[in-house]
Amino acid sequence: MREELVLKHMVGGTFIHTGKDKLAYTVTTNGDYWEIAIHLSPEVDIQKILKWNRELNLSLFQGLNDQTIKIWLYTKNKIVQYNEQNRLLTIIAESRIEYIPCNYSM
């Protein structure tokens, strides 16, 4: 299964796209929330991500056969943390919507 993580500004550009940037990340379920941990490269502008932390849009795209599943993860409490020493960005998402985008095309 192919998987890519995309972190964007709600109405603007893309901060991270693991299909292009090849960054290591994990998504862990912890009961009522999901913890997304992304190891950043020096090229990622963490200051922009932290500046817009209340307006982030985080999606996982999982490819199964010829179908892509989109999992939209979003935060209610806007928990975004950055460990500078380890270059580790952690986002806590309390909600999740999973769907197949081609089922909604017009």
PDB file of N, CA and C in Angstrom:
ATOM      1  N   MET A   1       0.848  -1.182   0.000  1.00  0.00           N
ATOM      2  CA  MET A   1       0.000   0.000   0.000  1.00  0.00           C
ATOM      3  C   MET A   1       0.894   1.246   0.000  1.00  0.00           C
ATOM      4  N   ARG A   2       0.575   2.161  -0.885  1.00  0.00           N
ATOM      5  CA  ARG A   2       1.281   3.427  -0.977  1.00  0.00           C
ATOM      6  C   ARG A   2       0.584   4.431  -0.060  1.00  0.00           C
ATOM      7  N   GLU A   3       1.381   5.244   0.633  1.00  0.00           N
ATOM      8  CA  GLU A   3       0.792   6.250   1.519  1.00  0.00           C
ATOM      9  C   GLU A   3       1.612   7.527   1.434  1.00  0.00           C
ATOM     10  N   GLU A   4       0.914   8.653   1.424  1.00  0.00           N
ATOM     11  CA  GLU A   4       1.564   9.961   1.434  1.00  0.00           C
ATOM     12  C   GLU A   4       0.848  10.853   2.433  1.00  0.00           C
ATOM     13  N   LEU A   5       1.627  11.686   3.092  1.00  0.00           N
ATOM     14  CA  LEU A   5       1.094  12.646   4.042  1.00  0.00           C
ATOM     15  C   LEU A   5       1.280  14.038   3.441  1.00  0.00           C
ATOM     16  N   VAL A   6       0.244  14.861   3.522  1.00  0.00           N
ATOM     17  CA  VAL A   6       0.311  16.228   3.009  1.00  0.00           C
ATOM     18  C   VAL A   6      -0.142  17.180   4.114  1.00  0.00           C
ATOM     19  N   LEU A   7       0.703  18.178   4.393  1.00  0.00           N
ATOM     20  CA  LEU A   7       0.384  19.214   5.372  1.00  0.00           C
ATOM     21  C   LEU A   7       0.348  20.538   4.626  1.00  0.00           C
ATOM     22  N   LYS A   8      -0.839  21.185   4.674  1.00  0.00           N
ATOM     23  CA  LYS A   8      -1.050  22.424   3.925  1.00  0.00           C
ATOM     24  C   LYS A   8      -1.621  23.497   4.833  1.00  0.00           C
ATOM     25  N   HIS A   9      -1.526  24.722   4.349  1.00  0.00           N
ATOM     26  CA  HIS A   9      -2.277  25.812   4.946  1.00  0.00           C
ATOM     27  C   HIS A   9      -3.707  25.668   4.428  1.00  0.00           C
ATOM     28  N   MET A  10      -4.706  25.968   5.235  1.00  0.00           N
ATOM     29  CA  MET A  10      -6.106  25.777   4.847  1.00  0.00           C
ATOM     30  C   MET A  10      -6.445  26.380   3.490  1.00  0.00           C
ATOM     31  N   VAL A  11      -5.939  27.563   3.212  1.00  0.00           N
ATOM     32  CA  VAL A  11      -6.285  28.219   1.954  1.00  0.00           C
ATOM     33  C   VAL A  11      -5.058  28.536   1.104  1.00  0.00           C
ATOM     34  N   GLY A  12      -3.891  28.110   1.561  1.00  0.00           N
ATOM     35  CA  GLY A  12      -2.673  28.481   0.849  1.00  0.00           C
ATOM     36  C   GLY A  12      -1.866  27.295   0.389  1.00  0.00           C
ATOM     37  N   GLY A  13      -0.580  27.455   0.436  1.00  0.00           N
ATOM     38  CA  GLY A  13       0.348  26.480  -0.122  1.00  0.00           C
ATOM     39  C   GLY A  13       0.587  25.253   0.734  1.00  0.00           C
ATOM     40  N   THR A  14       1.386  24.362   0.177  1.00  0.00           N
ATOM     41  CA  THR A  14       1.740  23.105   0.824  1.00  0.00           C
ATOM     42  C   THR A  14       3.039  23.272   1.595  1.00  0.00           C
ATOM     43  N   PHE A  15       3.046  22.842   2.847  1.00  0.00           N
ATOM     44  CA  PHE A  15       4.248  22.864   3.677  1.00  0.00           C
ATOM     45  C   PHE A  15       5.039  21.568   3.520  1.00  0.00           C
ATOM     46  N   ILE A  16       4.334  20.432   3.538  1.00  0.00           N
ATOM     47  CA  ILE A  16       4.970  19.115   3.485  1.00  0.00           C
ATOM     48  C   ILE A  16       4.158  18.214   2.568  1.00  0.00           C
ATOM     49  N   HIS A  17       4.856  17.481   1.727  1.00  0.00           N
ATOM     50  CA  HIS A  17       4.234  16.465   0.874  1.00  0.00           C
ATOM     51  C   HIS A  17       5.225  15.311   0.810  1.00  0.00           C
ATOM     52  N   THR A  18       4.964  14.252   1.585  1.00  0.00           N
ATOM     53  CA  THR A  18       5.956  13.174   1.697  1.00  0.00           C
ATOM     54  C   THR A  18       6.143  12.389   0.406  1.00  0.00           C
ATOM     55  N   GLY A  19       5.214  12.524  -0.522  1.00  0.00           N
ATOM     56  CA  GLY A  19       5.400  11.901  -1.825  1.00  0.00           C
ATOM     57  C   GLY A  19       6.493  12.586  -2.622  1.00  0.00           C
ATOM     58  N   LYS A  20       6.771  13.844  -2.303  1.00  0.00           N
ATOM     59  CA  LYS A  20       7.820  14.613  -2.968  1.00  0.00           C
ATOM     60  C   LYS A  20       9.023  14.829  -2.064  1.00  0.00           C
ATOM     61  N   ASP A  21       8.773  15.062  -0.784  1.00  0.00           N
ATOM     62  CA  ASP A  21       9.829  15.433   0.154  1.00  0.00           C
ATOM     63  C   ASP A  21      10.531  14.250   0.813  1.00  0.00           C
ATOM     64  N   LYS A  22       9.927  13.061   0.759  1.00  0.00           N
ATOM     65  CA  LYS A  22      10.509  11.837   1.337  1.00  0.00           C
ATOM     66  C   LYS A  22      10.883  12.005   2.814  1.00  0.00           C
ATOM     67  N   LEU A  23       9.978  12.542   3.598  1.00  0.00           N
ATOM     68  CA  LEU A  23      10.186  12.697   5.034  1.00  0.00           C
ATOM     69  C   LEU A  23       9.601  11.496   5.767  1.00  0.00           C
ATOM     70  N   ALA A  24      10.286  11.070   6.818  1.00  0.00           N
ATOM     71  CA  ALA A  24       9.781   9.967   7.645  1.00  0.00           C
ATOM     72  C   ALA A  24       8.707  10.506   8.586  1.00  0.00           C
ATOM     73  N   TYR A  25       7.648   9.718   8.763  1.00  0.00           N
ATOM     74  CA  TYR A  25       6.575  10.123   9.669  1.00  0.00           C
ATOM     75  C   TYR A  25       5.893   8.885  10.226  1.00  0.00           C
ATOM     76  N   THR A  26       5.177   9.090  11.326  1.00  0.00           N
ATOM     77  CA  THR A  26       4.350   8.041  11.906  1.00  0.00           C
ATOM     78  C   THR A  26       2.992   8.631  12.251  1.00  0.00           C
ATOM     79  N   VAL A  27       1.980   7.790  12.180  1.00  0.00           N
ATOM     80  CA  VAL A  27       0.635   8.151  12.617  1.00  0.00           C
ATOM     81  C   VAL A  27       0.222   7.086  13.620  1.00  0.00           C
ATOM     82  N   THR A  28      -0.019   7.510  14.843  1.00  0.00           N
ATOM     83  CA  THR A  28      -0.339   6.585  15.923  1.00  0.00           C
ATOM     84  C   THR A  28      -1.715   6.920  16.481  1.00  0.00           C
ATOM     85  N   THR A  29      -2.546   5.908  16.646  1.00  0.00           N
ATOM     86  CA  THR A  29      -3.855   6.096  17.262  1.00  0.00           C
ATOM     87  C   THR A  29      -3.719   5.891  18.764  1.00  0.00           C
ATOM     88  N   ASN A  30      -4.230   6.859  19.516  1.00  0.00           N
ATOM     89  CA  ASN A  30      -4.188   6.788  20.978  1.00  0.00           C
ATOM     90  C   ASN A  30      -5.589   7.005  21.534  1.00  0.00           C
ATOM     91  N   GLY A  31      -6.460   6.047  21.305  1.00  0.00           N
ATOM     92  CA  GLY A  31      -7.830   6.162  21.820  1.00  0.00           C
ATOM     93  C   GLY A  31      -8.637   7.186  21.066  1.00  0.00           C
ATOM     94  N   ASP A  32      -8.796   8.371  21.646  1.00  0.00           N
ATOM     95  CA  ASP A  32      -9.653   9.409  21.074  1.00  0.00           C
ATOM     96  C   ASP A  32      -8.927  10.371  20.139  1.00  0.00           C
ATOM     97  N   TYR A  33      -7.635  10.166  19.914  1.00  0.00           N
ATOM     98  CA  TYR A  33      -6.908  11.088  19.043  1.00  0.00           C
ATOM     99  C   TYR A  33      -5.820  10.357  18.273  1.00  0.00           C
ATOM    100  N   TRP A  34      -5.281  11.055  17.285  1.00  0.00           N
ATOM    101  CA  TRP A  34      -4.195  10.534  16.460  1.00  0.00           C
ATOM    102  C   TRP A  34      -2.998  11.443  16.630  1.00  0.00           C
ATOM    103  N   GLU A  35      -1.842  10.846  16.802  1.00  0.00           N
ATOM    104  CA  GLU A  35      -0.601  11.609  16.919  1.00  0.00           C
ATOM    105  C   GLU A  35       0.200  11.428  15.635  1.00  0.00           C
ATOM    106  N   ILE A  36       0.489  12.533  14.987  1.00  0.00           N
ATOM    107  CA  ILE A  36       1.255  12.517  13.758  1.00  0.00           C
ATOM    108  C   ILE A  36       2.618  13.119  14.069  1.00  0.00           C
ATOM    109  N   ALA A  37       3.675  12.355  13.869  1.00  0.00           N
ATOM    110  CA  ALA A  37       5.042  12.812  14.134  1.00  0.00           C
ATOM    111  C   ALA A  37       5.805  12.792  12.812  1.00  0.00           C
ATOM    112  N   ILE A  38       6.382  13.939  12.458  1.00  0.00           N
ATOM    113  CA  ILE A  38       7.073  14.082  11.175  1.00  0.00           C
ATOM    114  C   ILE A  38       8.501  14.538  11.444  1.00  0.00           C
ATOM    115  N   HIS A  39       9.466  13.786  10.935  1.00  0.00           N
ATOM    116  CA  HIS A  39      10.880  14.165  11.041  1.00  0.00           C
ATOM    117  C   HIS A  39      11.198  15.103   9.886  1.00  0.00           C
ATOM    118  N   LEU A  40      11.527  16.341  10.212  1.00  0.00           N
ATOM    119  CA  LEU A  40      11.707  17.367   9.189  1.00  0.00           C
ATOM    120  C   LEU A  40      13.141  17.442   8.684  1.00  0.00           C
ATOM    121  N   SER A  41      13.267  17.777   7.431  1.00  0.00           N
ATOM    122  CA  SER A  41      14.582  18.053   6.846  1.00  0.00           C
ATOM    123  C   SER A  41      14.869  19.541   7.043  1.00  0.00           C
ATOM    124  N   PRO A  42      16.121  19.954   6.884  1.00  0.00           N
ATOM    125  CA  PRO A  42      16.442  21.379   7.032  1.00  0.00           C
ATOM    126  C   PRO A  42      15.716  22.275   6.020  1.00  0.00           C
ATOM    127  N   GLU A  43      15.267  21.697   4.904  1.00  0.00           N
ATOM    128  CA  GLU A  43      14.589  22.489   3.877  1.00  0.00           C
ATOM    129  C   GLU A  43      13.178  22.913   4.281  1.00  0.00           C
ATOM    130  N   VAL A  44      12.573  22.217   5.235  1.00  0.00           N
ATOM    131  CA  VAL A  44      11.206  22.551   5.650  1.00  0.00           C
ATOM    132  C   VAL A  44      11.249  23.811   6.514  1.00  0.00           C
ATOM    133  N   ASP A  45      10.408  24.777   6.181  1.00  0.00           N
ATOM    134  CA  ASP A  45      10.345  26.039   6.920  1.00  0.00           C
ATOM    135  C   ASP A  45       9.404  25.871   8.114  1.00  0.00           C
ATOM    136  N   ILE A  46       9.971  25.435   9.227  1.00  0.00           N
ATOM    137  CA  ILE A  46       9.162  25.177  10.428  1.00  0.00           C
ATOM    138  C   ILE A  46       8.519  26.455  10.955  1.00  0.00           C
ATOM    139  N   GLN A  47       9.145  27.592  10.756  1.00  0.00           N
ATOM    140  CA  GLN A  47       8.580  28.846  11.258  1.00  0.00           C
ATOM    141  C   GLN A  47       7.242  29.164  10.592  1.00  0.00           C
ATOM    142  N   LYS A  48       7.114  28.861   9.307  1.00  0.00           N
ATOM    143  CA  LYS A  48       5.831  29.077   8.627  1.00  0.00           C
ATOM    144  C   LYS A  48       4.764  28.130   9.168  1.00  0.00           C
ATOM    145  N   ILE A  49       5.149  26.881   9.408  1.00  0.00           N
ATOM    146  CA  ILE A  49       4.186  25.908   9.948  1.00  0.00           C
ATOM    147  C   ILE A  49       3.709  26.355  11.317  1.00  0.00           C
ATOM    148  N   LEU A  50       4.637  26.773  12.175  1.00  0.00           N
ATOM    149  CA  LEU A  50       4.260  27.204  13.518  1.00  0.00           C
ATOM    150  C   LEU A  50       3.439  28.500  13.473  1.00  0.00           C
ATOM    151  N   LYS A  51       3.781  29.383  12.550  1.00  0.00           N
ATOM    152  CA  LYS A  51       3.033  30.640  12.414  1.00  0.00           C
ATOM    153  C   LYS A  51       1.567  30.365  12.079  1.00  0.00           C
ATOM    154  N   TRP A  52       1.323  29.393  11.208  1.00  0.00           N
ATOM    155  CA  TRP A  52      -0.028  29.098  10.744  1.00  0.00           C
ATOM    156  C   TRP A  52      -0.615  27.864  11.439  1.00  0.00           C
ATOM    157  N   ASN A  53      -0.139  27.534  12.622  1.00  0.00           N
ATOM    158  CA  ASN A  53      -0.552  26.283  13.285  1.00  0.00           C
ATOM    159  C   ASN A  53      -2.060  26.179  13.534  1.00  0.00           C
ATOM    160  N   ARG A  54      -2.764  27.267  13.550  1.00  0.00           N
ATOM    161  CA  ARG A  54      -4.220  27.223  13.762  1.00  0.00           C
ATOM    162  C   ARG A  54      -4.983  27.051  12.450  1.00  0.00           C
ATOM    163  N   GLU A  55      -4.260  26.995  11.344  1.00  0.00           N
ATOM    164  CA  GLU A  55      -4.904  26.922  10.035  1.00  0.00           C
ATOM    165  C   GLU A  55      -4.308  25.800   9.188  1.00  0.00           C
ATOM    166  N   LEU A  56      -3.942  24.696   9.819  1.00  0.00           N
ATOM    167  CA  LEU A  56      -3.323  23.590   9.095  1.00  0.00           C
ATOM    168  C   LEU A  56      -4.355  22.583   8.610  1.00  0.00           C
ATOM    169  N   ASN A  57      -4.074  21.991   7.490  1.00  0.00           N
ATOM    170  CA  ASN A  57      -4.908  20.956   6.896  1.00  0.00           C
ATOM    171  C   ASN A  57      -3.997  19.746   6.678  1.00  0.00           C
ATOM    172  N   LEU A  58      -4.300  18.644   7.320  1.00  0.00           N
ATOM    173  CA  LEU A  58      -3.451  17.456   7.289  1.00  0.00           C
ATOM    174  C   LEU A  58      -4.223  16.294   6.675  1.00  0.00           C
ATOM    175  N   SER A  59      -3.644  15.693   5.641  1.00  0.00           N
ATOM    176  CA  SER A  59      -4.313  14.575   4.958  1.00  0.00           C
ATOM    177  C   SER A  59      -3.337  13.438   4.719  1.00  0.00           C
ATOM    178  N   LEU A  60      -3.868  12.226   4.811  1.00  0.00           N
ATOM    179  CA  LEU A  60      -3.146  11.024   4.412  1.00  0.00           C
ATOM    180  C   LEU A  60      -3.830  10.480   3.172  1.00  0.00           C
ATOM    181  N   PHE A  61      -3.035  10.103   2.206  1.00  0.00           N
ATOM    182  CA  PHE A  61      -3.562   9.477   0.996  1.00  0.00           C
ATOM    183  C   PHE A  61      -3.016   8.060   0.957  1.00  0.00           C
ATOM    184  N   GLN A  62      -3.904   7.093   0.950  1.00  0.00           N
ATOM    185  CA  GLN A  62      -3.506   5.687   0.925  1.00  0.00           C
ATOM    186  C   GLN A  62      -3.990   5.065  -0.374  1.00  0.00           C
ATOM    187  N   GLY A  63      -3.054   4.475  -1.103  1.00  0.00           N
ATOM    188  CA  GLY A  63      -3.399   3.849  -2.371  1.00  0.00           C
ATOM    189  C   GLY A  63      -3.576   2.360  -2.219  1.00  0.00           C
ATOM    190  N   LEU A  64      -4.757   1.882  -2.536  1.00  0.00           N
ATOM    191  CA  LEU A  64      -5.058   0.459  -2.543  1.00  0.00           C
ATOM    192  C   LEU A  64      -5.495   0.093  -3.953  1.00  0.00           C
ATOM    193  N   ASN A  65      -4.734  -0.760  -4.601  1.00  0.00           N
ATOM    194  CA  ASN A  65      -5.004  -1.112  -5.990  1.00  0.00           C
ATOM    195  C   ASN A  65      -5.060   0.173  -6.809  1.00  0.00           C
ATOM    196  N   ASP A  66      -6.157   0.419  -7.490  1.00  0.00           N
ATOM    197  CA  ASP A  66      -6.283   1.634  -8.292  1.00  0.00           C
ATOM    198  C   ASP A  66      -7.124   2.698  -7.602  1.00  0.00           C
ATOM    199  N   GLN A  67      -7.390   2.528  -6.328  1.00  0.00           N
ATOM    200  CA  GLN A  67      -8.255   3.446  -5.604  1.00  0.00           C
ATOM    201  C   GLN A  67      -7.455   4.162  -4.518  1.00  0.00           C
ATOM    202  N   THR A  68      -7.699   5.451  -4.358  1.00  0.00           N
ATOM    203  CA  THR A  68      -7.038   6.230  -3.314  1.00  0.00           C
ATOM    204  C   THR A  68      -8.043   6.575  -2.234  1.00  0.00           C
ATOM    205  N   ILE A  69      -7.644   6.335  -1.001  1.00  0.00           N
ATOM    206  CA  ILE A  69      -8.448   6.716   0.163  1.00  0.00           C
ATOM    207  C   ILE A  69      -7.818   7.972   0.748  1.00  0.00           C
ATOM    208  N   LYS A  70      -8.630   8.985   1.013  1.00  0.00           N
ATOM    209  CA  LYS A  70      -8.143  10.202   1.652  1.00  0.00           C
ATOM    210  C   LYS A  70      -8.621  10.205   3.091  1.00  0.00           C
ATOM    211  N   ILE A  71      -7.689  10.417   3.994  1.00  0.00           N
ATOM    212  CA  ILE A  71      -8.011  10.528   5.415  1.00  0.00           C
ATOM    213  C   ILE A  71      -7.648  11.945   5.840  1.00  0.00           C
ATOM    214  N   TRP A  72      -8.672  12.708   6.160  1.00  0.00           N
ATOM    215  CA  TRP A  72      -8.464  14.081   6.580  1.00  0.00           C
ATOM    216  C   TRP A  72      -8.433  14.079   8.103  1.00  0.00           C
ATOM    217  N   LEU A  73      -7.315  14.494   8.665  1.00  0.00           N
ATOM    218  CA  LEU A  73      -7.138  14.577  10.115  1.00  0.00           C
ATOM    219  C   LEU A  73      -7.142  16.052  10.501  1.00  0.00           C
ATOM    220  N   TYR A  74      -7.908  16.394  11.505  1.00  0.00           N
ATOM    221  CA  TYR A  74      -7.905  17.792  11.913  1.00  0.00           C
ATOM    222  C   TYR A  74      -7.968  17.926  13.424  1.00  0.00           C
ATOM    223  N   THR A  75      -7.506  19.074  13.872  1.00  0.00           N
ATOM    224  CA  THR A  75      -7.394  19.330  15.299  1.00  0.00           C
ATOM    225  C   THR A  75      -8.511  20.253  15.751  1.00  0.00           C
ATOM    226  N   LYS A  76      -8.959  20.009  16.949  1.00  0.00           N
ATOM    227  CA  LYS A  76      -9.936  20.902  17.566  1.00  0.00           C
ATOM    228  C   LYS A  76      -9.217  21.876  18.490  1.00  0.00           C
ATOM    229  N   ASN A  77      -8.211  21.380  19.177  1.00  0.00           N
ATOM    230  CA  ASN A  77      -7.483  22.194  20.151  1.00  0.00           C
ATOM    231  C   ASN A  77      -6.181  22.758  19.596  1.00  0.00           C
ATOM    232  N   LYS A  78      -5.906  22.487  18.325  1.00  0.00           N
ATOM    233  CA  LYS A  78      -4.742  23.044  17.628  1.00  0.00           C
ATOM    234  C   LYS A  78      -3.430  22.736  18.352  1.00  0.00           C
ATOM    235  N   ILE A  79      -3.209  21.459  18.632  1.00  0.00           N
ATOM    236  CA  ILE A  79      -1.991  21.043  19.326  1.00  0.00           C
ATOM    237  C   ILE A  79      -0.916  20.730  18.289  1.00  0.00           C
ATOM    238  N   VAL A  80       0.045  21.642  18.182  1.00  0.00           N
ATOM    239  CA  VAL A  80       1.175  21.497  17.276  1.00  0.00           C
ATOM    240  C   VAL A  80       2.425  21.783  18.095  1.00  0.00           C
ATOM    241  N   GLN A  81       3.341  20.800  18.130  1.00  0.00           N
ATOM    242  CA  GLN A  81       4.562  20.951  18.917  1.00  0.00           C
ATOM    243  C   GLN A  81       5.765  20.674  18.033  1.00  0.00           C
ATOM    244  N   TYR A  82       6.882  21.349  18.336  1.00  0.00           N
ATOM    245  CA  TYR A  82       8.094  21.130  17.564  1.00  0.00           C
ATOM    246  C   TYR A  82       9.277  20.946  18.503  1.00  0.00           C
ATOM    247  N   ASN A  83      10.012  19.838  18.318  1.00  0.00           N
ATOM    248  CA  ASN A  83      11.231  19.568  19.066  1.00  0.00           C
ATOM    249  C   ASN A  83      12.399  19.920  18.147  1.00  0.00           C
ATOM    250  N   GLU A  84      13.015  21.063  18.402  1.00  0.00           N
ATOM    251  CA  GLU A  84      14.068  21.575  17.524  1.00  0.00           C
ATOM    252  C   GLU A  84      15.287  20.656  17.497  1.00  0.00           C
ATOM    253  N   GLN A  85      15.655  20.108  18.637  1.00  0.00           N
ATOM    254  CA  GLN A  85      16.834  19.243  18.716  1.00  0.00           C
ATOM    255  C   GLN A  85      16.693  18.014  17.809  1.00  0.00           C
ATOM    256  N   ASN A  86      15.518  17.415  17.796  1.00  0.00           N
ATOM    257  CA  ASN A  86      15.277  16.213  16.984  1.00  0.00           C
ATOM    258  C   ASN A  86      14.624  16.531  15.632  1.00  0.00           C
ATOM    259  N   ARG A  87      14.323  17.800  15.390  1.00  0.00           N
ATOM    260  CA  ARG A  87      13.614  18.236  14.170  1.00  0.00           C
ATOM    261  C   ARG A  87      12.325  17.429  13.987  1.00  0.00           C
ATOM    262  N   LEU A  88      11.581  17.286  15.096  1.00  0.00           N
ATOM    263  CA  LEU A  88      10.368  16.473  15.106  1.00  0.00           C
ATOM    264  C   LEU A  88       9.143  17.357  15.325  1.00  0.00           C
ATOM    265  N   LEU A  89       8.260  17.358  14.317  1.00  0.00           N
ATOM    266  CA  LEU A  89       6.996  18.068  14.395  1.00  0.00           C
ATOM    267  C   LEU A  89       5.925  17.072  14.809  1.00  0.00           C
ATOM    268  N   THR A  90       5.159  17.418  15.852  1.00  0.00           N
ATOM    269  CA  THR A  90       4.093  16.547  16.336  1.00  0.00           C
ATOM    270  C   THR A  90       2.775  17.313  16.300  1.00  0.00           C
ATOM    271  N   ILE A  91       1.784  16.672  15.703  1.00  0.00           N
ATOM    272  CA  ILE A  91       0.450  17.258  15.608  1.00  0.00           C
ATOM    273  C   ILE A  91      -0.540  16.259  16.207  1.00  0.00           C
ATOM    274  N   ILE A  92      -1.399  16.750  17.077  1.00  0.00           N
ATOM    275  CA  ILE A  92      -2.436  15.915  17.683  1.00  0.00           C
ATOM    276  C   ILE A  92      -3.755  16.234  16.989  1.00  0.00           C
ATOM    277  N   ALA A  93      -4.350  15.225  16.388  1.00  0.00           N
ATOM    278  CA  ALA A  93      -5.625  15.381  15.688  1.00  0.00           C
ATOM    279  C   ALA A  93      -6.705  14.634  16.452  1.00  0.00           C
ATOM    280  N   GLU A  94      -7.786  15.325  16.765  1.00  0.00           N
ATOM    281  CA  GLU A  94      -8.877  14.706  17.520  1.00  0.00           C
ATOM    282  C   GLU A  94     -10.004  14.204  16.635  1.00  0.00           C
ATOM    283  N   SER A  95      -9.970  14.557  15.370  1.00  0.00           N
ATOM    284  CA  SER A  95     -11.036  14.139  14.466  1.00  0.00           C
ATOM    285  C   SER A  95     -10.458  13.608  13.170  1.00  0.00           C
ATOM    286  N   ARG A  96     -11.266  12.779  12.513  1.00  0.00           N
ATOM    287  CA  ARG A  96     -10.802  12.126  11.290  1.00  0.00           C
ATOM    288  C   ARG A  96     -12.001  11.857  10.381  1.00  0.00           C
ATOM    289  N   ILE A  97     -11.824  12.160   9.111  1.00  0.00           N
ATOM    290  CA  ILE A  97     -12.829  11.841   8.098  1.00  0.00           C
ATOM    291  C   ILE A  97     -12.117  11.039   7.025  1.00  0.00           C
ATOM    292  N   GLU A  98     -12.664   9.881   6.705  1.00  0.00           N
ATOM    293  CA  GLU A  98     -12.066   9.016   5.688  1.00  0.00           C
ATOM    294  C   GLU A  98     -13.050   8.856   4.537  1.00  0.00           C
ATOM    295  N   TYR A  99     -12.556   9.039   3.313  1.00  0.00           N
ATOM    296  CA  TYR A  99     -13.429   8.881   2.156  1.00  0.00           C
ATOM    297  C   TYR A  99     -12.614   8.563   0.914  1.00  0.00           C
ATOM    298  N   ILE A 100     -13.299   8.181  -0.140  1.00  0.00           N
ATOM    299  CA  ILE A 100     -12.678   7.890  -1.430  1.00  0.00           C
ATOM    300  C   ILE A 100     -13.035   9.048  -2.356  1.00  0.00           C
ATOM    301  N   PRO A 101     -12.067   9.916  -2.680  1.00  0.00           N
ATOM    302  CA  PRO A 101     -12.375  11.131  -3.451  1.00  0.00           C
ATOM    303  C   PRO A 101     -13.105  10.881  -4.773  1.00  0.00           C
ATOM    304  N   CYS A 102     -12.782   9.814  -5.475  1.00  0.00           N
ATOM    305  CA  CYS A 102     -13.437   9.606  -6.776  1.00  0.00           C
ATOM    306  C   CYS A 102     -14.926   9.321  -6.631  1.00  0.00           C
ATOM    307  N   ASN A 103     -15.391   8.957  -5.436  1.00  0.00           N
ATOM    308  CA  ASN A 103     -16.829   8.751  -5.213  1.00  0.00           C
ATOM    309  C   ASN A 103     -17.593  10.067  -5.169  1.00  0.00           C
ATOM    310  N   TYR A 104     -16.856  11.184  -5.096  1.00  0.00           N
ATOM    311  CA  TYR A 104     -17.492  12.495  -4.971  1.00  0.00           C
ATOM    312  C   TYR A 104     -17.205  13.394  -6.167  1.00  0.00           C
ATOM    313  N   SER A 105     -16.665  12.833  -7.230  1.00  0.00           N
ATOM    314  CA  SER A 105     -16.388  13.658  -8.398  1.00  0.00           C
ATOM    315  C   SER A 105     -17.670  13.911  -9.179  1.00  0.00           C
ATOM    316  N   MET A 106     -17.694  15.038  -9.862  1.00  0.00           N
ATOM    317  CA  MET A 106     -18.903  15.421 -10.604  1.00  0.00           C
ATOM    318  C   MET A 106     -18.756  15.101 -12.065  1.00  0.00           C
TER     319      MET A 106
END
